[in-house]
Amino acid sequence: MRLNAKDLAGAILLMGFAIVGFWINAEDHAIGTARRMGPGYMPMLAFGLLAALAALTFVLGLFNGPDPLERWTQAELLAVLGGVAVAIGVTWILALQPGIISRNWYPLGLGLLAGCLVFSIPPRWRKLGLVIAGMVVFGLVLEIAGLFLAIALCIAVAALPDDTQTVKGTLALILFQIALCWFVFIKELDIRVPIWPQF
């Protein structure tokens, strides 16, 4: 066996995301069937695909090495530990507050966003941290801001660390994703999600 440590670590991380995603989705959403999709059906498919890709990456990582993990700098280690601590602390504090901020999954989402921002401080972690932050922003604002604005914010945040991305390219990607998501999820699958802000 020629172990690829990067692929194995990535596969374990992705499998962890998939397992947590399955758990959160099952707790809060009805799954439904392929003919009558509930709000948890598409996330279930996405997490299933993520788990399958993680398993495939893990198996391939057993044979396509060697590729050792790079050593983390002290700043990178502090960013990871600080991100986890901030995520847990913000989630816990917001969950104790009265009002709309403590409802549903908002404390967890805001905690994850704060943790991702701390995690993004070292340059080597910035792209990963801001891409995950973009996805968290999408989940946080979808119900209030609607699908179109949530997609725009998600892509804008995820594109921040990319030096090669132009404003025109980012806008083109946002418009393409909005059109694609409207066609697939709203028009064809008739998924009931607000597309405009609900202020």
N, C-alpha and C. Protein backbone atom coordinates (compact mmCIF):
# COMPACT_ATOMS: atom_id res chain seq x y z
N MET A 1 0.83 -1.18 0.00
CA MET A 1 0.00 0.00 0.00
C MET A 1 0.88 1.25 0.00
N ARG A 2 0.48 2.25 -0.81
CA ARG A 2 1.19 3.53 -0.87
C ARG A 2 0.22 4.60 -0.41
N LEU A 3 0.26 4.92 0.87
CA LEU A 3 -0.74 5.80 1.46
C LEU A 3 -0.55 7.25 1.01
N ASN A 4 -1.67 7.88 0.66
CA ASN A 4 -1.70 9.30 0.34
C ASN A 4 -2.37 9.99 1.53
N ALA A 5 -1.55 10.55 2.41
CA ALA A 5 -2.08 11.12 3.66
C ALA A 5 -3.05 12.26 3.41
N LYS A 6 -2.81 13.06 2.35
CA LYS A 6 -3.71 14.18 2.05
C LYS A 6 -5.09 13.67 1.64
N ASP A 7 -5.13 12.66 0.78
CA ASP A 7 -6.43 12.11 0.37
C ASP A 7 -7.15 11.46 1.53
N LEU A 8 -6.42 10.73 2.37
CA LEU A 8 -7.05 10.06 3.51
C LEU A 8 -7.61 11.08 4.49
N ALA A 9 -6.84 12.12 4.80
CA ALA A 9 -7.33 13.15 5.72
C ALA A 9 -8.53 13.88 5.13
N GLY A 10 -8.46 14.20 3.84
CA GLY A 10 -9.59 14.87 3.17
C GLY A 10 -10.83 14.00 3.18
N ALA A 11 -10.66 12.70 2.93
CA ALA A 11 -11.80 11.78 2.92
C ALA A 11 -12.45 11.69 4.29
N ILE A 12 -11.65 11.64 5.34
CA ILE A 12 -12.19 11.57 6.71
C ILE A 12 -12.95 12.86 7.03
N LEU A 13 -12.40 14.00 6.64
CA LEU A 13 -13.07 15.29 6.86
C LEU A 13 -14.40 15.35 6.13
N LEU A 14 -14.40 14.94 4.84
CA LEU A 14 -15.64 14.97 4.06
C LEU A 14 -16.68 14.00 4.62
N MET A 15 -16.24 12.83 5.06
CA MET A 15 -17.17 11.87 5.66
C MET A 15 -17.77 12.43 6.95
N GLY A 16 -16.95 13.15 7.71
CA GLY A 16 -17.47 13.80 8.93
C GLY A 16 -18.55 14.82 8.60
N PHE A 17 -18.29 15.65 7.56
CA PHE A 17 -19.31 16.61 7.13
C PHE A 17 -20.59 15.90 6.71
N ALA A 18 -20.45 14.80 5.96
CA ALA A 18 -21.62 14.07 5.48
C ALA A 18 -22.43 13.50 6.63
N ILE A 19 -21.75 12.94 7.62
CA ILE A 19 -22.45 12.33 8.77
C ILE A 19 -23.18 13.41 9.57
N VAL A 20 -22.50 14.52 9.85
CA VAL A 20 -23.15 15.61 10.59
C VAL A 20 -24.32 16.16 9.78
N GLY A 21 -24.13 16.31 8.46
CA GLY A 21 -25.21 16.80 7.60
C GLY A 21 -26.42 15.88 7.61
N PHE A 22 -26.18 14.56 7.51
CA PHE A 22 -27.28 13.59 7.58
C PHE A 22 -28.04 13.74 8.89
N TRP A 23 -27.30 13.87 9.99
CA TRP A 23 -27.92 13.95 11.31
C TRP A 23 -28.77 15.22 11.43
N ILE A 24 -28.20 16.37 11.04
CA ILE A 24 -28.95 17.63 11.15
C ILE A 24 -30.18 17.60 10.23
N ASN A 25 -30.01 17.09 9.02
CA ASN A 25 -31.12 17.03 8.06
C ASN A 25 -32.24 16.13 8.57
N ALA A 26 -31.88 14.98 9.13
CA ALA A 26 -32.91 14.05 9.62
C ALA A 26 -33.64 14.61 10.83
N GLU A 27 -32.93 15.41 11.65
CA GLU A 27 -33.54 15.99 12.85
C GLU A 27 -34.62 17.00 12.50
N ASP A 28 -34.41 17.76 11.44
CA ASP A 28 -35.22 18.96 11.22
C ASP A 28 -36.13 18.92 10.00
N HIS A 29 -35.91 17.98 9.08
CA HIS A 29 -36.66 18.02 7.82
C HIS A 29 -37.27 16.67 7.45
N ALA A 30 -38.47 16.73 6.89
CA ALA A 30 -39.09 15.52 6.34
C ALA A 30 -38.40 15.21 5.01
N ILE A 31 -38.08 13.94 4.79
CA ILE A 31 -37.35 13.54 3.58
C ILE A 31 -38.28 13.43 2.39
N GLY A 32 -39.38 12.71 2.55
CA GLY A 32 -40.30 12.50 1.44
C GLY A 32 -39.80 11.41 0.51
N THR A 33 -40.33 11.39 -0.71
CA THR A 33 -39.92 10.40 -1.72
C THR A 33 -39.47 11.14 -2.98
N ALA A 34 -38.99 10.38 -3.96
CA ALA A 34 -38.54 11.00 -5.22
C ALA A 34 -39.72 11.69 -5.92
N ARG A 35 -40.91 11.12 -5.80
CA ARG A 35 -42.08 11.71 -6.45
C ARG A 35 -42.63 12.90 -5.66
N ARG A 36 -42.54 12.82 -4.34
CA ARG A 36 -43.07 13.86 -3.46
C ARG A 36 -41.96 14.30 -2.50
N MET A 37 -41.06 15.12 -2.98
CA MET A 37 -39.88 15.50 -2.21
C MET A 37 -40.24 16.41 -1.04
N GLY A 38 -39.69 16.07 0.12
CA GLY A 38 -39.80 16.95 1.26
C GLY A 38 -38.61 17.90 1.28
N PRO A 39 -38.57 18.82 2.24
CA PRO A 39 -37.46 19.77 2.28
C PRO A 39 -36.11 19.13 2.57
N GLY A 40 -36.11 17.91 3.09
CA GLY A 40 -34.84 17.25 3.38
C GLY A 40 -34.36 16.31 2.30
N TYR A 41 -35.12 16.19 1.20
CA TYR A 41 -34.76 15.21 0.17
C TYR A 41 -33.47 15.59 -0.56
N MET A 42 -33.39 16.82 -1.08
CA MET A 42 -32.20 17.24 -1.83
C MET A 42 -30.96 17.28 -0.93
N PRO A 43 -31.05 17.81 0.30
CA PRO A 43 -29.87 17.72 1.17
C PRO A 43 -29.43 16.28 1.43
N MET A 44 -30.42 15.36 1.56
CA MET A 44 -30.07 13.96 1.77
C MET A 44 -29.28 13.43 0.58
N LEU A 45 -29.70 13.77 -0.65
CA LEU A 45 -28.97 13.34 -1.84
C LEU A 45 -27.57 13.95 -1.87
N ALA A 46 -27.48 15.23 -1.52
CA ALA A 46 -26.17 15.90 -1.53
C ALA A 46 -25.23 15.27 -0.51
N PHE A 47 -25.72 14.98 0.69
CA PHE A 47 -24.86 14.37 1.70
C PHE A 47 -24.54 12.92 1.34
N GLY A 48 -25.46 12.23 0.68
CA GLY A 48 -25.17 10.88 0.19
C GLY A 48 -24.06 10.89 -0.85
N LEU A 49 -24.13 11.84 -1.77
CA LEU A 49 -23.08 11.98 -2.78
C LEU A 49 -21.74 12.34 -2.12
N LEU A 50 -21.78 13.24 -1.13
CA LEU A 50 -20.57 13.61 -0.42
C LEU A 50 -19.96 12.40 0.28
N ALA A 51 -20.79 11.57 0.92
CA ALA A 51 -20.30 10.37 1.60
C ALA A 51 -19.70 9.38 0.60
N ALA A 52 -20.35 9.22 -0.57
CA ALA A 52 -19.82 8.30 -1.59
C ALA A 52 -18.48 8.80 -2.13
N LEU A 53 -18.36 10.11 -2.36
CA LEU A 53 -17.09 10.66 -2.84
C LEU A 53 -16.00 10.53 -1.77
N ALA A 54 -16.38 10.71 -0.51
CA ALA A 54 -15.41 10.54 0.58
C ALA A 54 -14.92 9.11 0.64
N ALA A 55 -15.83 8.14 0.50
CA ALA A 55 -15.43 6.73 0.53
C ALA A 55 -14.51 6.40 -0.65
N LEU A 56 -14.84 6.90 -1.84
CA LEU A 56 -14.01 6.68 -3.02
C LEU A 56 -12.63 7.31 -2.84
N THR A 57 -12.59 8.54 -2.32
CA THR A 57 -11.31 9.22 -2.08
C THR A 57 -10.48 8.45 -1.06
N PHE A 58 -11.13 7.90 -0.04
CA PHE A 58 -10.41 7.12 0.97
C PHE A 58 -9.78 5.88 0.36
N VAL A 59 -10.56 5.15 -0.43
CA VAL A 59 -10.04 3.92 -1.05
C VAL A 59 -8.88 4.25 -1.99
N LEU A 60 -9.05 5.27 -2.83
CA LEU A 60 -7.97 5.67 -3.74
C LEU A 60 -6.75 6.16 -2.97
N GLY A 61 -6.97 6.81 -1.84
CA GLY A 61 -5.86 7.31 -1.02
C GLY A 61 -5.01 6.21 -0.41
N LEU A 62 -5.52 4.99 -0.39
CA LEU A 62 -4.74 3.86 0.12
C LEU A 62 -3.66 3.42 -0.86
N PHE A 63 -3.79 3.81 -2.13
CA PHE A 63 -2.91 3.27 -3.17
C PHE A 63 -2.18 4.32 -4.01
N ASN A 64 -2.54 5.60 -3.95
CA ASN A 64 -1.95 6.57 -4.87
C ASN A 64 -0.93 7.49 -4.22
N GLY A 65 -0.29 7.05 -3.16
CA GLY A 65 0.69 7.86 -2.46
C GLY A 65 2.10 7.55 -2.94
N PRO A 66 3.09 7.93 -2.22
CA PRO A 66 3.02 8.66 -0.96
C PRO A 66 2.86 10.16 -1.19
N ASP A 67 2.07 10.78 -0.36
CA ASP A 67 1.87 12.22 -0.39
C ASP A 67 1.60 12.66 1.05
N PRO A 68 2.67 12.95 1.80
CA PRO A 68 2.48 13.27 3.23
C PRO A 68 1.84 14.63 3.42
N LEU A 69 1.23 14.80 4.57
CA LEU A 69 0.64 16.09 4.94
C LEU A 69 1.77 17.09 5.24
N GLU A 70 1.54 18.33 4.87
CA GLU A 70 2.52 19.36 5.19
C GLU A 70 2.38 19.75 6.65
N ARG A 71 3.49 20.17 7.24
CA ARG A 71 3.44 20.60 8.64
C ARG A 71 2.71 21.93 8.73
N TRP A 72 1.91 22.06 9.77
CA TRP A 72 1.19 23.31 10.02
C TRP A 72 2.11 24.27 10.76
N THR A 73 1.99 25.54 10.41
CA THR A 73 2.71 26.56 11.18
C THR A 73 1.95 26.79 12.48
N GLN A 74 2.59 27.51 13.38
CA GLN A 74 1.93 27.81 14.66
C GLN A 74 0.68 28.65 14.43
N ALA A 75 0.74 29.60 13.48
CA ALA A 75 -0.44 30.43 13.19
C ALA A 75 -1.59 29.59 12.64
N GLU A 76 -1.27 28.61 11.80
CA GLU A 76 -2.32 27.75 11.24
C GLU A 76 -2.96 26.88 12.32
N LEU A 77 -2.15 26.34 13.20
CA LEU A 77 -2.67 25.53 14.30
C LEU A 77 -3.56 26.38 15.21
N LEU A 78 -3.10 27.61 15.52
CA LEU A 78 -3.90 28.50 16.35
C LEU A 78 -5.21 28.89 15.66
N ALA A 79 -5.16 29.06 14.32
CA ALA A 79 -6.38 29.40 13.58
C ALA A 79 -7.39 28.27 13.62
N VAL A 80 -6.93 27.03 13.51
CA VAL A 80 -7.85 25.88 13.58
C VAL A 80 -8.45 25.78 14.98
N LEU A 81 -7.60 25.80 16.00
CA LEU A 81 -8.10 25.69 17.37
C LEU A 81 -8.97 26.89 17.74
N GLY A 82 -8.54 28.09 17.32
CA GLY A 82 -9.33 29.29 17.59
C GLY A 82 -10.66 29.27 16.86
N GLY A 83 -10.68 28.79 15.62
CA GLY A 83 -11.93 28.69 14.86
C GLY A 83 -12.92 27.77 15.53
N VAL A 84 -12.43 26.61 16.00
CA VAL A 84 -13.32 25.67 16.70
C VAL A 84 -13.84 26.29 17.99
N ALA A 85 -12.95 26.92 18.75
CA ALA A 85 -13.36 27.54 20.02
C ALA A 85 -14.37 28.67 19.79
N VAL A 86 -14.11 29.51 18.79
CA VAL A 86 -15.04 30.62 18.49
C VAL A 86 -16.38 30.07 18.02
N ALA A 87 -16.37 29.04 17.16
CA ALA A 87 -17.62 28.47 16.67
C ALA A 87 -18.46 27.92 17.83
N ILE A 88 -17.82 27.19 18.72
CA ILE A 88 -18.55 26.63 19.87
C ILE A 88 -19.04 27.74 20.80
N GLY A 89 -18.18 28.71 21.09
CA GLY A 89 -18.55 29.79 22.00
C GLY A 89 -19.68 30.65 21.46
N VAL A 90 -19.59 31.06 20.20
CA VAL A 90 -20.65 31.90 19.61
C VAL A 90 -21.96 31.13 19.56
N THR A 91 -21.90 29.85 19.17
CA THR A 91 -23.13 29.04 19.12
C THR A 91 -23.77 28.96 20.50
N TRP A 92 -22.98 28.69 21.51
CA TRP A 92 -23.49 28.55 22.87
C TRP A 92 -24.09 29.86 23.38
N ILE A 93 -23.38 30.97 23.16
CA ILE A 93 -23.87 32.27 23.63
C ILE A 93 -25.18 32.65 22.93
N LEU A 94 -25.24 32.48 21.61
CA LEU A 94 -26.45 32.85 20.87
C LEU A 94 -27.63 31.95 21.20
N ALA A 95 -27.36 30.69 21.49
CA ALA A 95 -28.45 29.76 21.84
C ALA A 95 -29.12 30.17 23.14
N LEU A 96 -28.41 30.87 24.01
CA LEU A 96 -28.97 31.30 25.29
C LEU A 96 -29.74 32.62 25.20
N GLN A 97 -29.63 33.32 24.08
CA GLN A 97 -30.27 34.63 23.93
C GLN A 97 -31.75 34.45 23.56
N PRO A 98 -32.61 35.31 24.09
CA PRO A 98 -34.03 35.24 23.69
C PRO A 98 -34.21 35.89 22.31
N GLY A 99 -35.27 35.49 21.64
CA GLY A 99 -35.61 36.15 20.37
C GLY A 99 -35.28 35.31 19.16
N ILE A 100 -35.35 35.95 18.01
CA ILE A 100 -35.23 35.26 16.73
C ILE A 100 -33.85 34.66 16.52
N ILE A 101 -32.83 35.27 17.11
CA ILE A 101 -31.46 34.81 16.88
C ILE A 101 -31.23 33.41 17.45
N SER A 102 -32.01 33.00 18.46
CA SER A 102 -31.80 31.69 19.07
C SER A 102 -32.72 30.62 18.48
N ARG A 103 -33.54 30.98 17.47
CA ARG A 103 -34.45 30.01 16.88
C ARG A 103 -33.75 29.13 15.85
N ASN A 104 -34.32 27.97 15.63
CA ASN A 104 -33.87 27.04 14.60
C ASN A 104 -32.37 26.78 14.70
N TRP A 105 -31.70 26.88 13.57
CA TRP A 105 -30.27 26.59 13.51
C TRP A 105 -29.44 27.85 13.42
N TYR A 106 -30.02 29.03 13.67
CA TYR A 106 -29.26 30.28 13.55
C TYR A 106 -28.04 30.35 14.47
N PRO A 107 -28.14 29.95 15.75
CA PRO A 107 -26.93 30.00 16.58
C PRO A 107 -25.79 29.16 16.01
N LEU A 108 -26.12 27.94 15.53
CA LEU A 108 -25.09 27.08 14.94
C LEU A 108 -24.52 27.71 13.68
N GLY A 109 -25.39 28.25 12.82
CA GLY A 109 -24.92 28.86 11.58
C GLY A 109 -24.03 30.07 11.84
N LEU A 110 -24.44 30.94 12.76
CA LEU A 110 -23.62 32.11 13.07
C LEU A 110 -22.32 31.72 13.76
N GLY A 111 -22.38 30.67 14.58
CA GLY A 111 -21.15 30.16 15.20
C GLY A 111 -20.19 29.60 14.17
N LEU A 112 -20.72 28.84 13.21
CA LEU A 112 -19.87 28.30 12.14
C LEU A 112 -19.27 29.42 11.29
N LEU A 113 -20.07 30.45 11.01
CA LEU A 113 -19.56 31.58 10.23
C LEU A 113 -18.41 32.28 10.96
N ALA A 114 -18.59 32.53 12.25
CA ALA A 114 -17.52 33.16 13.04
C ALA A 114 -16.28 32.28 13.07
N GLY A 115 -16.48 30.97 13.24
CA GLY A 115 -15.35 30.04 13.25
C GLY A 115 -14.62 30.00 11.92
N CYS A 116 -15.37 30.03 10.82
CA CYS A 116 -14.76 30.03 9.48
C CYS A 116 -13.93 31.30 9.25
N LEU A 117 -14.41 32.43 9.76
CA LEU A 117 -13.67 33.68 9.58
C LEU A 117 -12.35 33.65 10.36
N VAL A 118 -12.36 33.07 11.56
CA VAL A 118 -11.11 32.92 12.31
C VAL A 118 -10.19 31.94 11.60
N PHE A 119 -10.75 30.84 11.12
CA PHE A 119 -9.99 29.80 10.41
C PHE A 119 -9.35 30.37 9.14
N SER A 120 -9.95 31.40 8.54
CA SER A 120 -9.48 31.97 7.28
C SER A 120 -8.35 32.97 7.44
N ILE A 121 -7.91 33.24 8.64
CA ILE A 121 -6.87 34.26 8.84
C ILE A 121 -5.53 33.87 8.19
N PRO A 122 -5.00 32.65 8.40
CA PRO A 122 -3.74 32.30 7.71
C PRO A 122 -3.97 32.17 6.19
N PRO A 123 -3.04 32.67 5.38
CA PRO A 123 -3.25 32.64 3.93
C PRO A 123 -3.50 31.25 3.34
N ARG A 124 -2.84 30.21 3.88
CA ARG A 124 -3.03 28.87 3.30
C ARG A 124 -4.43 28.32 3.55
N TRP A 125 -5.12 28.77 4.59
CA TRP A 125 -6.45 28.27 4.92
C TRP A 125 -7.56 29.18 4.37
N ARG A 126 -7.19 30.33 3.80
CA ARG A 126 -8.18 31.35 3.45
C ARG A 126 -9.21 30.84 2.43
N LYS A 127 -8.75 30.18 1.37
CA LYS A 127 -9.69 29.72 0.33
C LYS A 127 -10.70 28.72 0.92
N LEU A 128 -10.20 27.73 1.63
CA LEU A 128 -11.10 26.73 2.22
C LEU A 128 -12.06 27.37 3.21
N GLY A 129 -11.54 28.24 4.08
CA GLY A 129 -12.38 28.87 5.09
C GLY A 129 -13.48 29.73 4.49
N LEU A 130 -13.15 30.50 3.45
CA LEU A 130 -14.16 31.39 2.87
C LEU A 130 -15.15 30.66 1.97
N VAL A 131 -14.74 29.55 1.35
CA VAL A 131 -15.71 28.75 0.59
C VAL A 131 -16.74 28.15 1.55
N ILE A 132 -16.27 27.62 2.68
CA ILE A 132 -17.21 27.07 3.67
C ILE A 132 -18.06 28.20 4.26
N ALA A 133 -17.45 29.36 4.49
CA ALA A 133 -18.21 30.51 5.00
C ALA A 133 -19.30 30.91 4.02
N GLY A 134 -19.02 30.86 2.72
CA GLY A 134 -20.03 31.16 1.70
C GLY A 134 -21.23 30.23 1.80
N MET A 135 -20.95 28.94 2.00
CA MET A 135 -22.06 27.98 2.13
C MET A 135 -22.87 28.24 3.40
N VAL A 136 -22.17 28.62 4.47
CA VAL A 136 -22.87 28.94 5.72
C VAL A 136 -23.76 30.17 5.53
N VAL A 137 -23.24 31.18 4.84
CA VAL A 137 -24.02 32.38 4.57
C VAL A 137 -25.28 32.02 3.78
N PHE A 138 -25.15 31.14 2.80
CA PHE A 138 -26.30 30.70 2.02
C PHE A 138 -27.39 30.13 2.93
N GLY A 139 -27.00 29.23 3.82
CA GLY A 139 -27.96 28.63 4.74
C GLY A 139 -28.58 29.63 5.70
N LEU A 140 -27.78 30.60 6.14
CA LEU A 140 -28.29 31.59 7.09
C LEU A 140 -29.31 32.53 6.47
N VAL A 141 -29.10 32.94 5.23
CA VAL A 141 -29.95 33.99 4.66
C VAL A 141 -31.04 33.47 3.73
N LEU A 142 -31.06 32.18 3.43
CA LEU A 142 -32.02 31.65 2.45
C LEU A 142 -33.46 31.99 2.80
N GLU A 143 -33.87 31.75 4.03
CA GLU A 143 -35.28 31.97 4.40
C GLU A 143 -35.67 33.44 4.36
N ILE A 144 -34.76 34.32 4.78
CA ILE A 144 -35.11 35.74 4.86
C ILE A 144 -34.86 36.45 3.53
N ALA A 145 -33.72 36.19 2.92
CA ALA A 145 -33.32 36.94 1.72
C ALA A 145 -33.80 36.31 0.43
N GLY A 146 -34.22 35.05 0.46
CA GLY A 146 -34.66 34.39 -0.75
C GLY A 146 -33.50 33.71 -1.49
N LEU A 147 -33.87 32.82 -2.41
CA LEU A 147 -32.89 32.01 -3.12
C LEU A 147 -31.89 32.84 -3.92
N PHE A 148 -32.38 33.84 -4.64
CA PHE A 148 -31.50 34.59 -5.54
C PHE A 148 -30.41 35.35 -4.78
N LEU A 149 -30.79 36.06 -3.74
CA LEU A 149 -29.81 36.81 -2.96
C LEU A 149 -28.90 35.87 -2.19
N ALA A 150 -29.42 34.73 -1.71
CA ALA A 150 -28.60 33.75 -0.99
C ALA A 150 -27.52 33.19 -1.91
N ILE A 151 -27.87 32.88 -3.15
CA ILE A 151 -26.88 32.39 -4.12
C ILE A 151 -25.82 33.46 -4.38
N ALA A 152 -26.27 34.70 -4.57
CA ALA A 152 -25.34 35.79 -4.85
C ALA A 152 -24.35 35.98 -3.69
N LEU A 153 -24.85 35.97 -2.47
CA LEU A 153 -23.97 36.15 -1.31
C LEU A 153 -23.01 34.98 -1.14
N CYS A 154 -23.50 33.77 -1.35
CA CYS A 154 -22.67 32.58 -1.23
C CYS A 154 -21.49 32.67 -2.20
N ILE A 155 -21.77 32.97 -3.46
CA ILE A 155 -20.71 33.02 -4.48
C ILE A 155 -19.78 34.20 -4.21
N ALA A 156 -20.32 35.34 -3.81
CA ALA A 156 -19.48 36.51 -3.54
C ALA A 156 -18.49 36.24 -2.41
N VAL A 157 -18.95 35.62 -1.32
CA VAL A 157 -18.06 35.32 -0.19
C VAL A 157 -17.02 34.28 -0.60
N ALA A 158 -17.45 33.23 -1.32
CA ALA A 158 -16.52 32.18 -1.73
C ALA A 158 -15.48 32.68 -2.73
N ALA A 159 -15.82 33.71 -3.51
CA ALA A 159 -14.89 34.24 -4.51
C ALA A 159 -13.89 35.23 -3.93
N LEU A 160 -14.08 35.68 -2.70
CA LEU A 160 -13.20 36.70 -2.11
C LEU A 160 -11.71 36.34 -2.14
N PRO A 161 -11.32 35.11 -1.79
CA PRO A 161 -9.88 34.84 -1.72
C PRO A 161 -9.23 34.53 -3.08
N ASP A 162 -9.99 34.45 -4.15
CA ASP A 162 -9.45 34.07 -5.46
C ASP A 162 -8.92 35.31 -6.18
N ASP A 163 -7.61 35.40 -6.27
CA ASP A 163 -6.98 36.56 -6.92
C ASP A 163 -7.24 36.60 -8.41
N THR A 164 -7.50 35.45 -9.02
CA THR A 164 -7.70 35.41 -10.48
C THR A 164 -9.13 35.75 -10.88
N GLN A 165 -10.05 35.77 -9.93
CA GLN A 165 -11.46 36.02 -10.24
C GLN A 165 -11.72 37.52 -10.40
N THR A 166 -12.35 37.89 -11.51
CA THR A 166 -12.70 39.30 -11.73
C THR A 166 -14.13 39.55 -11.26
N VAL A 167 -14.47 40.82 -11.10
CA VAL A 167 -15.84 41.17 -10.71
C VAL A 167 -16.81 40.71 -11.79
N LYS A 168 -16.44 40.91 -13.06
CA LYS A 168 -17.33 40.48 -14.15
C LYS A 168 -17.52 38.96 -14.14
N GLY A 169 -16.43 38.23 -13.88
CA GLY A 169 -16.54 36.77 -13.82
C GLY A 169 -17.42 36.31 -12.68
N THR A 170 -17.28 36.97 -11.52
CA THR A 170 -18.11 36.62 -10.37
C THR A 170 -19.58 36.92 -10.65
N LEU A 171 -19.87 38.07 -11.25
CA LEU A 171 -21.26 38.42 -11.59
C LEU A 171 -21.84 37.45 -12.60
N ALA A 172 -21.03 37.05 -13.59
CA ALA A 172 -21.51 36.08 -14.59
C ALA A 172 -21.83 34.75 -13.93
N LEU A 173 -20.97 34.30 -13.00
CA LEU A 173 -21.22 33.05 -12.28
C LEU A 173 -22.49 33.16 -11.44
N ILE A 174 -22.68 34.30 -10.77
CA ILE A 174 -23.88 34.50 -9.95
C ILE A 174 -25.13 34.41 -10.83
N LEU A 175 -25.14 35.11 -11.95
CA LEU A 175 -26.32 35.09 -12.85
C LEU A 175 -26.57 33.69 -13.40
N PHE A 176 -25.49 32.99 -13.77
CA PHE A 176 -25.66 31.62 -14.29
C PHE A 176 -26.24 30.71 -13.22
N GLN A 177 -25.71 30.78 -11.98
CA GLN A 177 -26.21 29.92 -10.91
C GLN A 177 -27.65 30.25 -10.53
N ILE A 178 -28.01 31.53 -10.54
CA ILE A 178 -29.39 31.90 -10.25
C ILE A 178 -30.33 31.32 -11.31
N ALA A 179 -29.96 31.47 -12.58
CA ALA A 179 -30.79 30.93 -13.67
C ALA A 179 -30.89 29.42 -13.58
N LEU A 180 -29.77 28.75 -13.33
CA LEU A 180 -29.76 27.29 -13.25
C LEU A 180 -30.61 26.80 -12.08
N CYS A 181 -30.41 27.40 -10.91
CA CYS A 181 -31.18 26.97 -9.73
C CYS A 181 -32.66 27.26 -9.89
N TRP A 182 -33.00 28.41 -10.49
CA TRP A 182 -34.42 28.69 -10.74
C TRP A 182 -35.02 27.64 -11.66
N PHE A 183 -34.32 27.30 -12.75
CA PHE A 183 -34.85 26.34 -13.71
C PHE A 183 -34.99 24.95 -13.08
N VAL A 184 -33.94 24.49 -12.40
CA VAL A 184 -33.97 23.12 -11.85
C VAL A 184 -34.90 23.01 -10.66
N PHE A 185 -34.72 23.88 -9.66
CA PHE A 185 -35.43 23.69 -8.39
C PHE A 185 -36.81 24.33 -8.34
N ILE A 186 -36.98 25.48 -8.96
CA ILE A 186 -38.27 26.17 -8.89
C ILE A 186 -39.19 25.72 -10.01
N LYS A 187 -38.70 25.81 -11.26
CA LYS A 187 -39.57 25.51 -12.40
C LYS A 187 -39.81 24.01 -12.57
N GLU A 188 -38.73 23.22 -12.60
CA GLU A 188 -38.88 21.80 -12.90
C GLU A 188 -39.29 20.96 -11.70
N LEU A 189 -38.63 21.14 -10.56
CA LEU A 189 -38.92 20.32 -9.38
C LEU A 189 -40.00 20.93 -8.48
N ASP A 190 -40.36 22.18 -8.73
CA ASP A 190 -41.41 22.87 -7.98
C ASP A 190 -41.17 22.84 -6.47
N ILE A 191 -39.92 23.09 -6.09
CA ILE A 191 -39.57 23.14 -4.67
C ILE A 191 -40.01 24.49 -4.12
N ARG A 192 -40.71 24.46 -3.01
CA ARG A 192 -41.26 25.67 -2.41
C ARG A 192 -40.20 26.35 -1.54
N VAL A 193 -39.52 27.30 -2.12
CA VAL A 193 -38.53 28.09 -1.40
C VAL A 193 -38.68 29.53 -1.87
N PRO A 194 -38.64 30.48 -0.96
CA PRO A 194 -38.79 31.88 -1.40
C PRO A 194 -37.62 32.28 -2.32
N ILE A 195 -37.93 32.96 -3.41
CA ILE A 195 -36.86 33.40 -4.30
C ILE A 195 -36.52 34.87 -4.10
N TRP A 196 -37.42 35.62 -3.47
CA TRP A 196 -37.21 37.05 -3.19
C TRP A 196 -37.16 37.26 -1.68
N PRO A 197 -36.57 38.36 -1.24
CA PRO A 197 -36.47 38.64 0.21
C PRO A 197 -37.85 38.65 0.89
N GLN A 198 -37.89 38.15 2.13
CA GLN A 198 -39.12 38.04 2.91
C GLN A 198 -39.12 39.01 4.09
N PHE A 199 -38.61 40.23 3.91
CA PHE A 199 -38.49 41.19 5.02
C PHE A 199 -39.86 41.64 5.47
